[in-house]
Amino acid sequence: MIITSLLDTDLYKFTMLQCVLHQFPGAEVEYRFKCRTQGVDLLPLLDAINREVDHLCTVTFTDEELDYLRGLRFMKADTIEFLSLFHLKRKYVSVVANPEKDGGIDIIVKGPWLHTILFEIPLLAILNELYFSHHYGDLSEDVGIARLKDKIDLIRNEPDNDDLKIADYGTRRRFSKAWQRKVVGILKDELGDKLSGTSNVLLAKDFNLVPLGTMAHEYLQACQALGPRLRDSQVFGFEMWAKEYRGDLGIALSDVYGMEPFLKDFDMFFCKLFDGARHDSGDPFVWGERMIEHWRANKCEPKSKTLIFSDSLTVPKVLALYRRFHHRVKLGFGIGTNLMNDLGPTPLNIVIKMVKANGQPVAKISDAPEKGMCDDENYLSYLRQVFGLTQAKGE
C-alpha cells in the first residue's frame, strides 16, 4: 500500500491540527477535489484509489512516531495524546465516479475539521502514485537522476552561495513515495546543510532533517467562517495563531486575499511578532520587494526577517531570487513538483481545497486566479467587496 505511516504528510498539517484542537475543536468543514490538468482520466483508477483510502483509514501512529512528534518543541502533550488515539475515518471521505468533472472522479472530504485535516496530503499522494504507476510503470529513473544532478550542480556552482538553501516541499505532487525518498537521500548526501529540511515529517524523522511548515491556506480560509467579522478574518487568523504558538512557527502566509489586503492587515504588531512571510502566488520579485518595504515602514530591520518562496519553484528561479534578495533579508526556498516529479512525464496539477467551514462557503482569492476554488460566485463577489478587491481574482 502507498501510505503506511500518518507521518507521511506535511508538517503544517500537524501544526494546524494542534491549533484546531485548542482553538476550533468544534469546527465542521468540507474539502473538494479538482483536477486542473486537461485531458486526464482518473476514472480507471477509481477502485484502486478506494482500496488505498480503505487502507489509509486503518493506519495509526506508532509509539516511535509519537515519540518523534513529542520531541518537536512546538508540539504539546495533549496533542500527542489525541494523536495516540487517532485514525482517519472512512465515513468522512467519498471517492466516486463523476464524468462531468475534469479527471472523471469526485472526492469530497466532509466532517469535523479535527478529524479531516489529515486527509488532503495522503489522498493527493495516492492519486499521483496510482496515476504514474498505471501510465509509466516501467519508466527509467535515468532522466530524473540526470535532471536532479544538474540542479545540484547549479546550487553548488552558484557564486557566494553560503546562505543558499533549499527544502523539499513535494509530498502532494510526488511521482511516488519511493522517488521522493530517493531524491531526499541524494540531496542530503550531495548538498549537506544546503538542504535546509523537508515538509514531509516521516522523511524528516528518517533522514534526521528539520521538518518545515507552519500554516496553509485552509487555516486562513476557515477563519472566514470562524471569526467574528469577515473583513477581520485574516487578522483573526493571525491572532489565533499567535495565541496558540506565542511567537513560535512565525511564518505568515500572504496570499489568501492577495497582497494589498495582506499588507493592510499585517500591521506593525504582526510585522514584529512574526519571523517572516511565505509567498505562494503572484510575481515573487515584486512580492519580495514589497515585503522588505513594508517591514521598513513598520520599523523592522528586513535582515532580521525571512522570505519563504514556495510557488512553482525551479532551481534557476531559486537562483534568480537568491541573487535579488541575498544579503537584504533571510531566505528560504521550498521546491515541490520540480524536485519530486521531474522524470519526464508531465506532472499532474491536482488539489484538494477547503470549500466550506461550519456550513458557510470559504474561498481563496489570491494573486494567481487559477489557484482559487469556490463554486459560490455570490460569496466570491461578496468576499471581493469586503476586502476591497475590484478584479475577479478567484474562480
Protein backbone atom coordinates (compact mmCIF):
# COMPACT_ATOMS: atom_id res chain seq x y z
CA MET A 1 0.00 0.00 0.00
CA ILE A 2 1.12 3.59 -0.62
CA ILE A 3 0.50 5.28 2.73
CA THR A 4 1.86 3.19 5.57
CA SER A 5 2.55 5.99 8.07
CA LEU A 6 0.47 9.00 9.09
CA LEU A 7 3.74 10.92 9.36
CA ASP A 8 3.96 10.69 5.58
CA THR A 9 2.44 14.14 5.24
CA ASP A 10 3.43 17.79 5.53
CA LEU A 11 4.31 19.34 8.87
CA TYR A 12 1.80 22.17 8.53
CA LYS A 13 -1.00 19.62 8.80
CA PHE A 14 0.12 18.83 12.35
CA THR A 15 0.74 22.45 13.34
CA MET A 16 -2.71 23.42 12.03
CA LEU A 17 -4.30 20.35 13.65
CA GLN A 18 -2.89 21.43 17.01
CA CYS A 19 -4.33 24.92 16.58
CA VAL A 20 -7.69 23.41 15.61
CA LEU A 21 -7.63 21.13 18.66
CA HIS A 22 -7.14 24.05 21.04
CA GLN A 23 -8.87 26.94 19.29
CA PHE A 24 -11.56 25.46 16.99
CA PRO A 25 -12.35 21.93 18.23
CA GLY A 26 -15.98 22.04 17.09
CA ALA A 27 -15.43 23.33 13.54
CA GLU A 28 -17.02 21.38 10.67
CA VAL A 29 -15.50 21.64 7.19
CA GLU A 30 -15.76 20.37 3.64
CA TYR A 31 -12.97 19.82 1.11
CA ARG A 32 -13.34 19.09 -2.62
CA PHE A 33 -11.02 17.70 -5.26
CA LYS A 34 -10.11 19.45 -8.51
CA CYS A 35 -8.01 18.26 -11.43
CA ARG A 36 -6.52 21.26 -13.20
CA THR A 37 -4.68 19.19 -15.83
CA GLN A 38 -6.69 18.89 -19.04
CA GLY A 39 -7.25 15.50 -20.65
CA VAL A 40 -6.52 13.37 -17.59
CA ASP A 41 -8.80 10.39 -16.91
CA LEU A 42 -8.61 9.09 -13.36
CA LEU A 43 -11.78 7.01 -13.60
CA PRO A 44 -9.95 3.73 -14.44
CA LEU A 45 -8.13 4.12 -11.11
CA LEU A 46 -11.29 4.50 -9.03
CA ASP A 47 -11.29 1.03 -7.46
CA ALA A 48 -7.57 1.21 -6.71
CA ILE A 49 -7.99 4.65 -5.15
CA ASN A 50 -10.76 3.40 -2.89
CA ARG A 51 -8.69 0.40 -1.82
CA GLU A 52 -5.85 2.74 -0.88
CA VAL A 53 -8.24 5.01 1.01
CA ASP A 54 -9.68 2.00 2.85
CA HIS A 55 -6.16 1.11 3.96
CA LEU A 56 -5.29 4.72 4.82
CA CYS A 57 -8.17 4.72 7.29
CA THR A 58 -6.65 1.77 9.17
CA VAL A 59 -3.25 3.38 9.75
CA THR A 60 -2.43 4.64 13.25
CA PHE A 61 0.59 6.31 14.82
CA THR A 62 3.25 4.06 16.27
CA ASP A 63 4.88 4.74 19.62
CA GLU A 64 8.09 5.64 17.81
CA GLU A 65 6.26 8.16 15.64
CA LEU A 66 4.51 9.70 18.62
CA ASP A 67 7.86 9.99 20.42
CA TYR A 68 9.24 11.84 17.42
CA LEU A 69 6.33 14.29 17.38
CA ARG A 70 6.64 14.71 21.14
CA GLY A 71 10.24 15.79 20.62
CA LEU A 72 9.28 18.73 18.39
CA ARG A 73 9.46 21.86 20.54
CA PHE A 74 6.09 23.25 19.42
CA MET A 75 4.01 20.08 19.82
CA LYS A 76 2.06 19.89 23.08
CA ALA A 77 1.39 16.90 25.28
CA ASP A 78 -2.38 16.83 24.82
CA THR A 79 -1.99 16.90 21.03
CA ILE A 80 0.24 13.84 21.21
CA GLU A 81 -2.31 12.09 23.42
CA PHE A 82 -5.05 12.92 20.90
CA LEU A 83 -2.93 11.54 18.05
CA SER A 84 -2.24 8.36 20.03
CA LEU A 85 -5.98 7.60 19.70
CA PHE A 86 -6.36 8.94 16.17
CA HIS A 87 -7.11 7.33 12.85
CA LEU A 88 -8.72 8.76 9.73
CA LYS A 89 -12.35 7.73 9.50
CA ARG A 90 -13.70 6.34 6.24
CA LYS A 91 -17.14 7.89 6.74
CA TYR A 92 -15.67 11.35 6.23
CA VAL A 93 -14.32 10.74 2.70
CA SER A 94 -16.07 9.83 -0.54
CA VAL A 95 -14.35 8.91 -3.82
CA VAL A 96 -16.84 8.39 -6.65
CA ALA A 97 -17.12 8.50 -10.42
CA ASN A 98 -18.20 11.83 -11.89
CA PRO A 99 -17.82 12.00 -15.69
CA GLU A 100 -18.92 15.66 -15.61
CA LYS A 101 -15.77 16.72 -13.75
CA ASP A 102 -12.24 17.06 -15.10
CA GLY A 103 -10.44 13.85 -14.23
CA GLY A 104 -13.66 11.84 -14.16
CA ILE A 105 -13.85 11.44 -10.39
CA ASP A 106 -15.04 13.44 -7.42
CA ILE A 107 -13.54 13.42 -3.95
CA ILE A 108 -15.38 15.01 -1.03
CA VAL A 109 -13.98 15.16 2.48
CA LYS A 110 -16.58 16.35 4.97
CA GLY A 111 -16.74 16.27 8.75
CA PRO A 112 -15.10 17.71 11.87
CA TRP A 113 -12.01 19.72 10.91
CA LEU A 114 -10.05 17.96 13.62
CA HIS A 115 -10.79 14.58 12.04
CA THR A 116 -10.48 15.53 8.37
CA ILE A 117 -7.44 17.84 8.25
CA LEU A 118 -5.00 14.97 7.70
CA PHE A 119 -6.75 13.60 4.58
CA GLU A 120 -5.53 16.05 1.92
CA ILE A 121 -1.85 15.23 1.51
CA PRO A 122 -2.06 11.41 1.57
CA LEU A 123 -5.04 11.48 -0.80
CA LEU A 124 -3.10 13.55 -3.32
CA ALA A 125 -0.03 11.33 -2.90
CA ILE A 126 -2.21 8.27 -3.56
CA LEU A 127 -3.71 9.78 -6.72
CA ASN A 128 -0.32 10.76 -8.08
CA GLU A 129 1.34 7.44 -7.43
CA LEU A 130 -1.51 5.37 -8.84
CA TYR A 131 -1.67 7.56 -11.95
CA PHE A 132 2.04 7.45 -12.69
CA SER A 133 2.46 3.77 -11.87
CA HIS A 134 -0.51 2.99 -14.17
CA HIS A 135 0.78 5.03 -17.11
CA TYR A 136 4.54 4.94 -16.56
CA GLY A 137 5.12 1.82 -14.52
CA ASP A 138 8.28 0.84 -16.41
CA LEU A 139 9.76 4.33 -16.61
CA SER A 140 13.51 4.51 -16.13
CA GLU A 141 14.75 6.86 -13.44
CA ASP A 142 17.76 7.87 -15.54
CA VAL A 143 16.22 11.12 -16.79
CA GLY A 144 15.09 12.08 -13.29
CA ILE A 145 18.52 11.35 -11.80
CA ALA A 146 20.27 13.33 -14.54
CA ARG A 147 17.98 16.32 -14.04
CA LEU A 148 18.46 16.14 -10.28
CA LYS A 149 22.26 16.12 -10.67
CA ASP A 150 22.05 19.19 -12.92
CA LYS A 151 20.04 21.02 -10.25
CA ILE A 152 22.54 20.06 -7.56
CA ASP A 153 25.40 21.32 -9.73
CA LEU A 154 23.64 24.66 -10.26
CA ILE A 155 23.33 25.13 -6.50
CA ARG A 156 26.91 24.08 -5.81
CA ASN A 157 28.32 26.32 -8.53
CA GLU A 158 26.36 29.43 -7.61
CA PRO A 159 28.84 32.15 -6.51
CA ASP A 160 28.51 33.47 -2.97
CA ASN A 161 26.21 30.58 -2.09
CA ASP A 162 26.96 30.32 1.63
CA ASP A 163 23.38 31.22 2.56
CA LEU A 164 21.70 29.38 -0.30
CA LYS A 165 19.50 26.57 1.00
CA ILE A 166 16.59 24.66 -0.50
CA ALA A 167 13.92 22.44 1.05
CA ASP A 168 11.67 19.64 -0.18
CA TYR A 169 8.00 20.66 -0.33
CA GLY A 170 6.93 17.92 -2.75
CA THR A 171 4.86 15.30 -0.93
CA ARG A 172 1.48 16.08 -2.50
CA ARG A 173 2.91 16.30 -6.04
CA ARG A 174 5.45 13.47 -5.91
CA PHE A 175 5.90 10.87 -8.65
CA SER A 176 5.96 8.19 -5.97
CA LYS A 177 6.82 7.64 -2.34
CA ALA A 178 9.98 5.75 -3.30
CA TRP A 179 11.11 8.53 -5.64
CA GLN A 180 10.68 11.24 -3.01
CA ARG A 181 12.69 9.18 -0.54
CA LYS A 182 15.45 8.63 -3.09
CA VAL A 183 15.61 12.33 -4.02
CA VAL A 184 15.77 13.47 -0.39
CA GLY A 185 18.55 10.97 0.27
CA ILE A 186 20.56 12.21 -2.72
CA LEU A 187 20.01 15.86 -1.78
CA LYS A 188 21.19 15.22 1.76
CA ASP A 189 24.31 13.39 0.58
CA GLU A 190 25.17 15.88 -2.15
CA LEU A 191 24.12 19.21 -0.64
CA GLY A 192 24.69 18.69 3.09
CA ASP A 193 23.48 21.72 5.02
CA LYS A 194 22.28 23.38 1.81
CA LEU A 195 19.27 21.11 2.20
CA SER A 196 17.51 23.02 4.95
CA GLY A 197 14.88 20.35 5.56
CA THR A 198 11.68 18.81 4.25
CA SER A 199 7.99 19.41 4.77
CA ASN A 200 7.48 15.62 4.94
CA VAL A 201 7.52 14.64 8.60
CA LEU A 202 8.34 10.97 8.00
CA LEU A 203 11.33 11.82 5.83
CA ALA A 204 12.48 14.43 8.34
CA LYS A 205 12.41 11.73 11.00
CA ASP A 206 14.11 9.07 8.90
CA PHE A 207 16.84 11.33 7.46
CA ASN A 208 17.37 13.43 10.58
CA LEU A 209 16.31 16.61 8.77
CA VAL A 210 14.44 19.65 10.02
CA PRO A 211 10.66 19.33 9.44
CA LEU A 212 9.38 22.57 7.90
CA GLY A 213 5.98 24.24 7.81
CA THR A 214 3.57 26.49 9.67
CA MET A 215 0.16 27.32 8.16
CA ALA A 216 -1.62 26.65 4.86
CA HIS A 217 -4.42 28.42 3.02
CA GLU A 218 -7.14 26.30 4.58
CA TYR A 219 -6.38 27.75 8.01
CA LEU A 220 -6.98 31.36 6.97
CA GLN A 221 -9.91 30.33 4.76
CA ALA A 222 -11.65 28.60 7.67
CA CYS A 223 -11.29 31.78 9.70
CA GLN A 224 -13.74 33.41 7.27
CA ALA A 225 -16.44 31.34 8.98
CA LEU A 226 -14.93 31.04 12.45
CA GLY A 227 -14.01 34.65 13.16
CA PRO A 228 -16.22 37.47 14.42
CA ARG A 229 -16.35 39.51 11.18
CA LEU A 230 -15.40 38.60 7.62
CA ARG A 231 -13.21 41.64 7.00
CA ASP A 232 -11.25 40.82 10.16
CA SER A 233 -10.85 37.12 9.36
CA GLN A 234 -7.20 37.41 8.30
CA VAL A 235 -6.31 39.39 11.42
CA PHE A 236 -8.30 36.90 13.49
CA GLY A 237 -6.36 34.02 11.94
CA PHE A 238 -3.00 35.58 12.73
CA GLU A 239 -4.10 36.43 16.26
CA MET A 240 -5.31 32.89 16.97
CA TRP A 241 -2.06 31.52 15.56
CA ALA A 242 -0.12 33.77 17.89
CA LYS A 243 -2.34 32.70 20.79
CA GLU A 244 -1.52 29.07 20.04
CA TYR A 245 2.21 29.39 19.36
CA ARG A 246 3.22 32.52 21.27
CA GLY A 247 5.69 33.67 18.61
CA ASP A 248 6.91 30.24 17.51
CA LEU A 249 6.26 28.99 13.95
CA GLY A 250 6.16 32.61 12.87
CA ILE A 251 5.91 32.46 9.08
CA ALA A 252 2.68 34.07 7.85
CA LEU A 253 1.02 33.08 4.58
CA SER A 254 0.39 36.17 2.49
CA ASP A 255 -1.82 35.29 -0.46
CA VAL A 256 -5.24 34.12 0.70
CA TYR A 257 -6.72 37.52 -0.23
CA GLY A 258 -3.91 38.96 -2.32
CA MET A 259 -1.08 41.29 -1.43
CA GLU A 260 -3.00 44.50 -0.76
CA PRO A 261 -5.32 43.11 1.95
CA PHE A 262 -2.38 41.23 3.46
CA LEU A 263 -0.27 44.36 3.84
CA LYS A 264 -3.21 46.27 5.32
CA ASP A 265 -3.77 43.56 7.91
CA PHE A 266 -0.13 42.70 8.60
CA ASP A 267 0.47 45.77 10.73
CA MET A 268 3.39 46.72 12.96
CA PHE A 269 2.31 44.27 15.65
CA PHE A 270 2.37 41.32 13.25
CA CYS A 271 5.50 42.59 11.49
CA LYS A 272 7.36 42.47 14.79
CA LEU A 273 5.71 39.29 16.08
CA PHE A 274 6.11 37.08 13.01
CA ASP A 275 9.53 35.97 11.77
CA GLY A 276 8.62 36.30 8.13
CA ALA A 277 6.14 35.56 5.35
CA ARG A 278 5.60 32.90 2.68
CA HIS A 279 4.99 33.62 -1.00
CA ASP A 280 2.74 31.23 -2.92
CA SER A 281 1.27 33.20 -5.83
CA GLY A 282 1.90 36.26 -7.96
CA ASP A 283 5.23 37.76 -9.02
CA PRO A 284 7.78 36.69 -6.37
CA PHE A 285 10.20 39.53 -7.12
CA VAL A 286 7.53 42.19 -6.71
CA TRP A 287 6.28 40.43 -3.57
CA GLY A 288 9.75 40.31 -2.03
CA GLU A 289 10.42 43.99 -2.68
CA ARG A 290 7.07 44.95 -1.19
CA MET A 291 7.64 42.86 1.91
CA ILE A 292 11.04 44.47 2.50
CA GLU A 293 9.50 47.92 2.02
CA HIS A 294 6.63 47.00 4.35
CA TRP A 295 8.96 45.85 7.13
CA ARG A 296 10.99 49.04 6.88
CA ALA A 297 7.82 51.13 7.04
CA ASN A 298 6.85 49.26 10.20
CA LYS A 299 10.20 49.80 11.96
CA CYS A 300 11.55 46.28 11.39
CA GLU A 301 15.01 45.51 10.08
CA PRO A 302 14.47 43.38 6.95
CA LYS A 303 17.71 41.47 7.56
CA SER A 304 16.12 40.06 10.72
CA LYS A 305 13.12 38.73 8.76
CA THR A 306 12.64 35.76 6.41
CA LEU A 307 11.10 35.48 2.97
CA ILE A 308 9.94 31.94 2.12
CA PHE A 309 9.33 31.27 -1.56
CA SER A 310 7.24 28.20 -2.47
CA ASP A 311 5.32 28.91 -5.68
CA SER A 312 6.19 26.55 -8.57
CA LEU A 313 9.90 26.94 -7.98
CA THR A 314 12.66 25.62 -10.21
CA VAL A 315 16.33 25.81 -9.32
CA PRO A 316 17.04 28.58 -11.90
CA LYS A 317 14.17 30.58 -10.41
CA VAL A 318 15.55 29.98 -6.92
CA LEU A 319 18.94 31.28 -8.04
CA ALA A 320 17.38 34.40 -9.58
CA LEU A 321 15.50 35.12 -6.36
CA TYR A 322 18.59 34.42 -4.28
CA ARG A 323 20.64 36.89 -6.31
CA ARG A 324 17.96 39.56 -5.94
CA PHE A 325 17.41 39.26 -2.19
CA HIS A 326 20.60 37.78 -0.77
CA HIS A 327 22.22 40.00 1.91
CA ARG A 328 18.98 42.01 2.17
CA VAL A 329 16.79 39.52 4.04
CA LYS A 330 16.86 35.90 5.25
CA LEU A 331 15.70 33.44 2.61
CA GLY A 332 14.06 30.05 2.33
CA PHE A 333 13.08 28.12 -0.80
CA GLY A 334 10.60 25.24 -0.81
CA ILE A 335 10.68 23.27 -4.07
CA GLY A 336 7.87 20.82 -4.74
CA THR A 337 6.98 19.40 -8.14
CA ASN A 338 10.28 20.32 -9.81
CA LEU A 339 12.18 18.15 -7.33
CA MET A 340 9.71 15.34 -6.74
CA ASN A 341 8.08 14.88 -10.15
CA ASP A 342 10.63 15.71 -12.85
CA LEU A 343 11.27 12.36 -14.52
CA GLY A 344 9.89 13.24 -17.96
CA PRO A 345 6.09 12.80 -17.83
CA THR A 346 4.00 15.94 -17.31
CA PRO A 347 3.15 16.24 -13.59
CA LEU A 348 -0.49 16.33 -12.56
CA ASN A 349 -1.93 19.57 -11.25
CA ILE A 350 -4.45 18.25 -8.73
CA VAL A 351 -5.64 19.83 -5.50
CA ILE A 352 -7.99 19.23 -2.60
CA LYS A 353 -9.20 22.53 -1.19
CA MET A 354 -11.46 23.57 1.67
CA VAL A 355 -14.71 24.98 0.26
CA LYS A 356 -16.88 25.26 3.39
CA ALA A 357 -16.45 25.78 7.12
CA ASN A 358 -19.38 25.48 9.54
CA GLY A 359 -21.67 25.28 6.53
CA GLN A 360 -20.50 28.61 5.09
CA PRO A 361 -18.58 28.98 1.80
CA VAL A 362 -14.90 29.87 2.15
CA ALA A 363 -12.52 30.88 -0.61
CA LYS A 364 -9.05 31.93 -1.58
CA ILE A 365 -8.78 34.97 -3.86
CA SER A 366 -5.03 35.13 -4.33
CA ASP A 367 -2.82 36.90 -6.85
CA ALA A 368 -2.95 33.80 -9.09
CA PRO A 369 -6.53 33.38 -10.39
CA GLU A 370 -6.08 29.69 -11.26
CA LYS A 371 -5.36 28.88 -7.62
CA GLY A 372 -8.81 29.89 -6.44
CA MET A 373 -11.53 27.31 -5.83
CA CYS A 374 -15.08 28.26 -4.92
CA ASP A 375 -18.37 27.28 -6.56
CA ASP A 376 -20.37 30.11 -4.99
CA GLU A 377 -19.93 33.18 -7.19
CA ASN A 378 -22.15 35.26 -4.91
CA TYR A 379 -19.86 34.57 -1.99
CA LEU A 380 -16.78 35.36 -4.07
CA SER A 381 -18.28 38.67 -5.12
CA TYR A 382 -19.11 39.50 -1.53
CA LEU A 383 -15.62 38.49 -0.39
CA ARG A 384 -14.00 40.70 -3.02
CA GLN A 385 -16.21 43.59 -1.98
CA VAL A 386 -15.42 43.15 1.72
CA PHE A 387 -11.65 43.11 1.04
CA GLY A 388 -11.79 45.93 -1.50
CA LEU A 389 -10.84 43.78 -4.46
CA THR A 390 -12.33 45.05 -7.68
CA GLN A 391 -10.90 42.45 -10.03
CA ALA A 392 -12.29 38.91 -10.14
CA LYS A 393 -9.26 37.03 -8.89
CA GLY A 394 -10.97 33.87 -7.70
CA GLU A 395 -12.77 31.12 -9.57
